[in-house]
PDB file of all heavy atoms in Angstrom:
ATOM      1  N   ALA A   1     -82.761 -53.378  82.769  1.00  0.00           N
ATOM      2  CA  ALA A   1     -83.141 -54.509  83.584  1.00  0.00           C
ATOM      3  C   ALA A   1     -82.582 -55.817  82.919  1.00  0.00           C
ATOM      4  O   ALA A   1     -82.152 -56.708  83.619  1.00  0.00           O
ATOM      5  CB  ALA A   1     -84.688 -54.581  83.656  1.00  0.00           C
ATOM      6  N   ALA A   2     -82.641 -55.865  81.625  1.00  0.00           N
ATOM      7  CA  ALA A   2     -82.108 -57.062  80.933  1.00  0.00           C
ATOM      8  C   ALA A   2     -80.660 -57.210  81.079  1.00  0.00           C
ATOM      9  O   ALA A   2     -80.143 -58.284  81.346  1.00  0.00           O
ATOM     10  CB  ALA A   2     -82.506 -56.927  79.418  1.00  0.00           C
ATOM     11  N   LEU A   3     -79.915 -56.024  81.089  1.00  0.00           N
ATOM     12  CA  LEU A   3     -78.493 -56.058  81.268  1.00  0.00           C
ATOM     13  C   LEU A   3     -78.143 -56.492  82.722  1.00  0.00           C
ATOM     14  O   LEU A   3     -77.266 -57.372  82.912  1.00  0.00           O
ATOM     15  CB  LEU A   3     -77.872 -54.700  81.020  1.00  0.00           C
ATOM     16  CG  LEU A   3     -76.322 -54.588  81.134  1.00  0.00           C
ATOM     17  CD1 LEU A   3     -75.651 -55.459  80.186  1.00  0.00           C
ATOM     18  CD2 LEU A   3     -75.915 -53.147  80.920  1.00  0.00           C
ATOM     19  N   ALA A   4     -78.891 -56.020  83.673  1.00  0.00           N
ATOM     20  CA  ALA A   4     -78.677 -56.361  85.086  1.00  0.00           C
ATOM     21  C   ALA A   4     -78.871 -57.847  85.276  1.00  0.00           C
ATOM     22  O   ALA A   4     -78.119 -58.538  85.919  1.00  0.00           O
ATOM     23  CB  ALA A   4     -79.490 -55.528  86.006  1.00  0.00           C
ATOM     24  N   ALA A   5     -79.992 -58.367  84.638  1.00  0.00           N
ATOM     25  CA  ALA A   5     -80.328 -59.748  84.741  1.00  0.00           C
ATOM     26  C   ALA A   5     -79.155 -60.602  84.130  1.00  0.00           C
ATOM     27  O   ALA A   5     -78.829 -61.713  84.600  1.00  0.00           O
ATOM     28  CB  ALA A   5     -81.647 -60.115  84.083  1.00  0.00           C
ATOM     29  N   ALA A   6     -78.679 -60.167  82.973  1.00  0.00           N
ATOM     30  CA  ALA A   6     -77.635 -60.810  82.324  1.00  0.00           C
ATOM     31  C   ALA A   6     -76.374 -60.901  83.140  1.00  0.00           C
ATOM     32  O   ALA A   6     -75.606 -61.883  83.082  1.00  0.00           O
ATOM     33  CB  ALA A   6     -77.286 -60.224  80.939  1.00  0.00           C
ATOM     34  N   ARG A   7     -76.160 -59.869  83.972  1.00  0.00           N
ATOM     35  CA  ARG A   7     -74.948 -59.768  84.766  1.00  0.00           C
ATOM     36  C   ARG A   7     -75.089 -60.603  86.071  1.00  0.00           C
ATOM     37  O   ARG A   7     -74.072 -60.817  86.782  1.00  0.00           O
ATOM     38  CB  ARG A   7     -74.613 -58.381  85.135  1.00  0.00           C
ATOM     39  CG  ARG A   7     -74.061 -57.598  83.946  1.00  0.00           C
ATOM     40  CD  ARG A   7     -73.875 -56.142  84.262  1.00  0.00           C
ATOM     41  NE  ARG A   7     -73.235 -55.364  83.187  1.00  0.00           N
ATOM     42  CZ  ARG A   7     -73.114 -54.090  83.220  1.00  0.00           C
ATOM     43  NH1 ARG A   7     -73.528 -53.335  84.223  1.00  0.00           N
ATOM     44  NH2 ARG A   7     -72.472 -53.489  82.140  1.00  0.00           N
ATOM     45  N   ALA A   8     -76.334 -60.963  86.417  1.00  0.00           N
ATOM     46  CA  ALA A   8     -76.426 -61.815  87.556  1.00  0.00           C
ATOM     47  C   ALA A   8     -75.731 -63.165  87.431  1.00  0.00           C
ATOM     48  O   ALA A   8     -75.588 -63.614  86.288  1.00  0.00           O
ATOM     49  CB  ALA A   8     -77.969 -62.158  87.783  1.00  0.00           C
ATOM     50  N   PRO A   9     -75.215 -63.735  88.444  1.00  0.00           N
ATOM     51  CA  PRO A   9     -74.424 -64.892  88.368  1.00  0.00           C
ATOM     52  C   PRO A   9     -75.064 -65.998  87.602  1.00  0.00           C
ATOM     53  O   PRO A   9     -76.228 -66.406  87.913  1.00  0.00           O
ATOM     54  CB  PRO A   9     -74.087 -65.336  89.796  1.00  0.00           C
ATOM     55  CG  PRO A   9     -74.306 -64.013  90.536  1.00  0.00           C
ATOM     56  CD  PRO A   9     -75.321 -63.270  89.825  1.00  0.00           C
ATOM     57  N   ALA A  10     -74.452 -66.552  86.614  1.00  0.00           N
ATOM     58  CA  ALA A  10     -75.017 -67.628  85.769  1.00  0.00           C
ATOM     59  C   ALA A  10     -75.269 -68.945  86.556  1.00  0.00           C
ATOM     60  O   ALA A  10     -76.158 -69.717  86.245  1.00  0.00           O
ATOM     61  CB  ALA A  10     -74.128 -67.986  84.575  1.00  0.00           C
ATOM     62  N   TRP A  11     -74.550 -69.093  87.654  1.00  0.00           N
ATOM     63  CA  TRP A  11     -74.544 -70.260  88.513  1.00  0.00           C
ATOM     64  C   TRP A  11     -75.715 -70.180  89.562  1.00  0.00           C
ATOM     65  O   TRP A  11     -75.846 -71.075  90.401  1.00  0.00           O
ATOM     66  CB  TRP A  11     -73.249 -70.583  89.149  1.00  0.00           C
ATOM     67  CG  TRP A  11     -72.596 -69.348  89.639  1.00  0.00           C
ATOM     68  CD1 TRP A  11     -71.597 -68.637  89.095  1.00  0.00           C
ATOM     69  CD2 TRP A  11     -72.827 -68.679  90.895  1.00  0.00           C
ATOM     70  NE1 TRP A  11     -71.201 -67.537  89.709  1.00  0.00           N
ATOM     71  CE2 TRP A  11     -71.930 -67.486  90.903  1.00  0.00           C
ATOM     72  CE3 TRP A  11     -73.741 -68.840  91.896  1.00  0.00           C
ATOM     73  CZ2 TRP A  11     -71.953 -66.612  91.946  1.00  0.00           C
ATOM     74  CZ3 TRP A  11     -73.700 -67.922  93.000  1.00  0.00           C
ATOM     75  CH2 TRP A  11     -72.845 -66.843  93.023  1.00  0.00           C
ATOM     76  N   LEU A  12     -76.456 -69.034  89.599  1.00  0.00           N
ATOM     77  CA  LEU A  12     -77.328 -68.805  90.662  1.00  0.00           C
ATOM     78  C   LEU A  12     -78.386 -69.991  90.831  1.00  0.00           C
ATOM     79  O   LEU A  12     -78.527 -70.507  91.921  1.00  0.00           O
ATOM     80  CB  LEU A  12     -78.166 -67.468  90.428  1.00  0.00           C
ATOM     81  CG  LEU A  12     -79.178 -67.134  91.518  1.00  0.00           C
ATOM     82  CD1 LEU A  12     -78.556 -66.975  92.875  1.00  0.00           C
ATOM     83  CD2 LEU A  12     -79.926 -65.854  91.123  1.00  0.00           C
ATOM     84  N   ASP A  13     -79.041 -70.353  89.737  1.00  0.00           N
ATOM     85  CA  ASP A  13     -80.019 -71.428  89.794  1.00  0.00           C
ATOM     86  C   ASP A  13     -79.402 -72.731  90.301  1.00  0.00           C
ATOM     87  O   ASP A  13     -79.971 -73.424  91.127  1.00  0.00           O
ATOM     88  CB  ASP A  13     -80.774 -71.560  88.554  1.00  0.00           C
ATOM     89  CG  ASP A  13     -81.600 -70.419  88.146  1.00  0.00           C
ATOM     90  OD1 ASP A  13     -82.050 -69.643  89.090  1.00  0.00           O
ATOM     91  OD2 ASP A  13     -81.869 -70.212  86.944  1.00  0.00           O
ATOM     92  N   ALA A  14     -78.291 -73.027  89.794  1.00  0.00           N
ATOM     93  CA  ALA A  14     -77.586 -74.317  90.081  1.00  0.00           C
ATOM     94  C   ALA A  14     -77.183 -74.270  91.566  1.00  0.00           C
ATOM     95  O   ALA A  14     -77.287 -75.316  92.266  1.00  0.00           O
ATOM     96  CB  ALA A  14     -76.407 -74.544  89.251  1.00  0.00           C
ATOM     97  N   TRP A  15     -76.806 -73.109  92.094  1.00  0.00           N
ATOM     98  CA  TRP A  15     -76.342 -73.021  93.546  1.00  0.00           C
ATOM     99  C   TRP A  15     -77.574 -73.184  94.371  1.00  0.00           C
ATOM    100  O   TRP A  15     -77.490 -73.933  95.466  1.00  0.00           O
ATOM    101  CB  TRP A  15     -75.790 -71.664  93.708  1.00  0.00           C
ATOM    102  CG  TRP A  15     -75.271 -71.410  95.143  1.00  0.00           C
ATOM    103  CD1 TRP A  15     -74.081 -71.788  95.669  1.00  0.00           C
ATOM    104  CD2 TRP A  15     -75.960 -70.710  96.163  1.00  0.00           C
ATOM    105  NE1 TRP A  15     -73.996 -71.390  96.992  1.00  0.00           N
ATOM    106  CE2 TRP A  15     -75.139 -70.762  97.273  1.00  0.00           C
ATOM    107  CE3 TRP A  15     -77.213 -70.127  96.273  1.00  0.00           C
ATOM    108  CZ2 TRP A  15     -75.564 -70.217  98.526  1.00  0.00           C
ATOM    109  CZ3 TRP A  15     -77.614 -69.562  97.461  1.00  0.00           C
ATOM    110  CH2 TRP A  15     -76.808 -69.582  98.561  1.00  0.00           C
ATOM    111  N   GLN A  16     -78.713 -72.603  93.975  1.00  0.00           N
ATOM    112  CA  GLN A  16     -79.950 -72.806  94.758  1.00  0.00           C
ATOM    113  C   GLN A  16     -80.405 -74.233  94.812  1.00  0.00           C
ATOM    114  O   GLN A  16     -80.744 -74.848  95.908  1.00  0.00           O
ATOM    115  CB  GLN A  16     -81.093 -71.951  94.165  1.00  0.00           C
ATOM    116  CG  GLN A  16     -80.863 -70.462  94.383  1.00  0.00           C
ATOM    117  CD  GLN A  16     -81.957 -69.645  93.588  1.00  0.00           C
ATOM    118  OE1 GLN A  16     -82.335 -70.074  92.523  1.00  0.00           O
ATOM    119  NE2 GLN A  16     -82.374 -68.528  94.099  1.00  0.00           N
ATOM    120  N   ASP A  17     -80.314 -74.892  93.675  1.00  0.00           N
ATOM    121  CA  ASP A  17     -80.713 -76.343  93.646  1.00  0.00           C
ATOM    122  C   ASP A  17     -79.763 -77.246  94.459  1.00  0.00           C
ATOM    123  O   ASP A  17     -80.164 -78.155  95.123  1.00  0.00           O
ATOM    124  CB  ASP A  17     -80.643 -76.845  92.141  1.00  0.00           C
ATOM    125  CG  ASP A  17     -81.828 -76.234  91.349  1.00  0.00           C
ATOM    126  OD1 ASP A  17     -82.732 -75.677  91.950  1.00  0.00           O
ATOM    127  OD2 ASP A  17     -81.725 -76.265  90.113  1.00  0.00           O
ATOM    128  N   ASP A  18     -78.486 -76.834  94.501  1.00  0.00           N
ATOM    129  CA  ASP A  18     -77.525 -77.621  95.306  1.00  0.00           C
ATOM    130  C   ASP A  18     -77.844 -77.451  96.790  1.00  0.00           C
ATOM    131  O   ASP A  18     -77.740 -78.423  97.551  1.00  0.00           O
ATOM    132  CB  ASP A  18     -76.106 -77.138  95.027  1.00  0.00           C
ATOM    133  CG  ASP A  18     -75.089 -77.769  95.951  1.00  0.00           C
ATOM    134  OD1 ASP A  18     -74.883 -79.004  95.856  1.00  0.00           O
ATOM    135  OD2 ASP A  18     -74.507 -77.046  96.848  1.00  0.00           O
ATOM    136  N   LEU A  19     -78.220 -76.202  97.174  1.00  0.00           N
ATOM    137  CA  LEU A  19     -78.626 -76.048  98.614  1.00  0.00           C
ATOM    138  C   LEU A  19     -79.746 -76.917  98.991  1.00  0.00           C
ATOM    139  O   LEU A  19     -79.731 -77.628  99.992  1.00  0.00           O
ATOM    140  CB  LEU A  19     -79.000 -74.545  98.771  1.00  0.00           C
ATOM    141  CG  LEU A  19     -77.917 -73.576  99.322  1.00  0.00           C
ATOM    142  CD1 LEU A  19     -78.583 -72.211  99.515  1.00  0.00           C
ATOM    143  CD2 LEU A  19     -77.349 -74.050 100.648  1.00  0.00           C
ATOM    144  N   TRP A  20     -80.777 -76.972  98.240  1.00  0.00           N
ATOM    145  CA  TRP A  20     -81.991 -77.721  98.566  1.00  0.00           C
ATOM    146  C   TRP A  20     -81.748 -79.136  98.474  1.00  0.00           C
ATOM    147  O   TRP A  20     -82.493 -79.969  99.109  1.00  0.00           O
ATOM    148  CB  TRP A  20     -83.160 -77.109  97.827  1.00  0.00           C
ATOM    149  CG  TRP A  20     -83.590 -75.860  98.348  1.00  0.00           C
ATOM    150  CD1 TRP A  20     -83.360 -74.647  97.808  1.00  0.00           C
ATOM    151  CD2 TRP A  20     -84.381 -75.621  99.595  1.00  0.00           C
ATOM    152  NE1 TRP A  20     -83.866 -73.644  98.685  1.00  0.00           N
ATOM    153  CE2 TRP A  20     -84.508 -74.228  99.779  1.00  0.00           C
ATOM    154  CE3 TRP A  20     -84.939 -76.472 100.588  1.00  0.00           C
ATOM    155  CZ2 TRP A  20     -85.168 -73.691 100.836  1.00  0.00           C
ATOM    156  CZ3 TRP A  20     -85.611 -75.909 101.650  1.00  0.00           C
ATOM    157  CH2 TRP A  20     -85.734 -74.538 101.755  1.00  0.00           C
ATOM    158  N   SER A  21     -80.815 -79.630  97.634  1.00  0.00           N
ATOM    159  CA  SER A  21     -80.489 -81.087  97.623  1.00  0.00           C
ATOM    160  C   SER A  21     -79.851 -81.486  98.972  1.00  0.00           C
ATOM    161  O   SER A  21     -80.047 -82.553  99.474  1.00  0.00           O
ATOM    162  CB  SER A  21     -79.623 -81.442  96.494  1.00  0.00           C
ATOM    163  OG  SER A  21     -78.307 -80.858  96.555  1.00  0.00           O
ATOM    164  N   THR A  22     -79.124 -80.520  99.523  1.00  0.00           N
ATOM    165  CA  THR A  22     -78.586 -80.713 100.891  1.00  0.00           C
ATOM    166  C   THR A  22     -79.688 -80.948 101.923  1.00  0.00           C
ATOM    167  O   THR A  22     -79.636 -81.784 102.784  1.00  0.00           O
ATOM    168  CB  THR A  22     -77.654 -79.576 101.328  1.00  0.00           C
ATOM    169  OG1 THR A  22     -76.537 -79.453 100.429  1.00  0.00           O
ATOM    170  CG2 THR A  22     -77.061 -79.838 102.698  1.00  0.00           C
ATOM    171  N   ALA A  23     -80.695 -80.093 101.792  1.00  0.00           N
ATOM    172  CA  ALA A  23     -81.860 -80.235 102.691  1.00  0.00           C
ATOM    173  C   ALA A  23     -82.481 -81.592 102.613  1.00  0.00           C
ATOM    174  O   ALA A  23     -82.891 -82.185 103.641  1.00  0.00           O
ATOM    175  CB  ALA A  23     -82.964 -79.133 102.377  1.00  0.00           C
ATOM    176  N   ALA A  24     -82.624 -82.072 101.362  1.00  0.00           N
ATOM    177  CA  ALA A  24     -83.214 -83.456 101.197  1.00  0.00           C
ATOM    178  C   ALA A  24     -82.387 -84.537 101.900  1.00  0.00           C
ATOM    179  O   ALA A  24     -82.883 -85.518 102.503  1.00  0.00           O
ATOM    180  CB  ALA A  24     -83.408 -83.733  99.684  1.00  0.00           C
TER     181      ALA A  24
END
């Protein structure tokens, strides 16, 4: 699980935040 989490895209959180700034 830790390895899979580490392989998840590092930019995931930043991408999510960028989406919701568009909503604002």
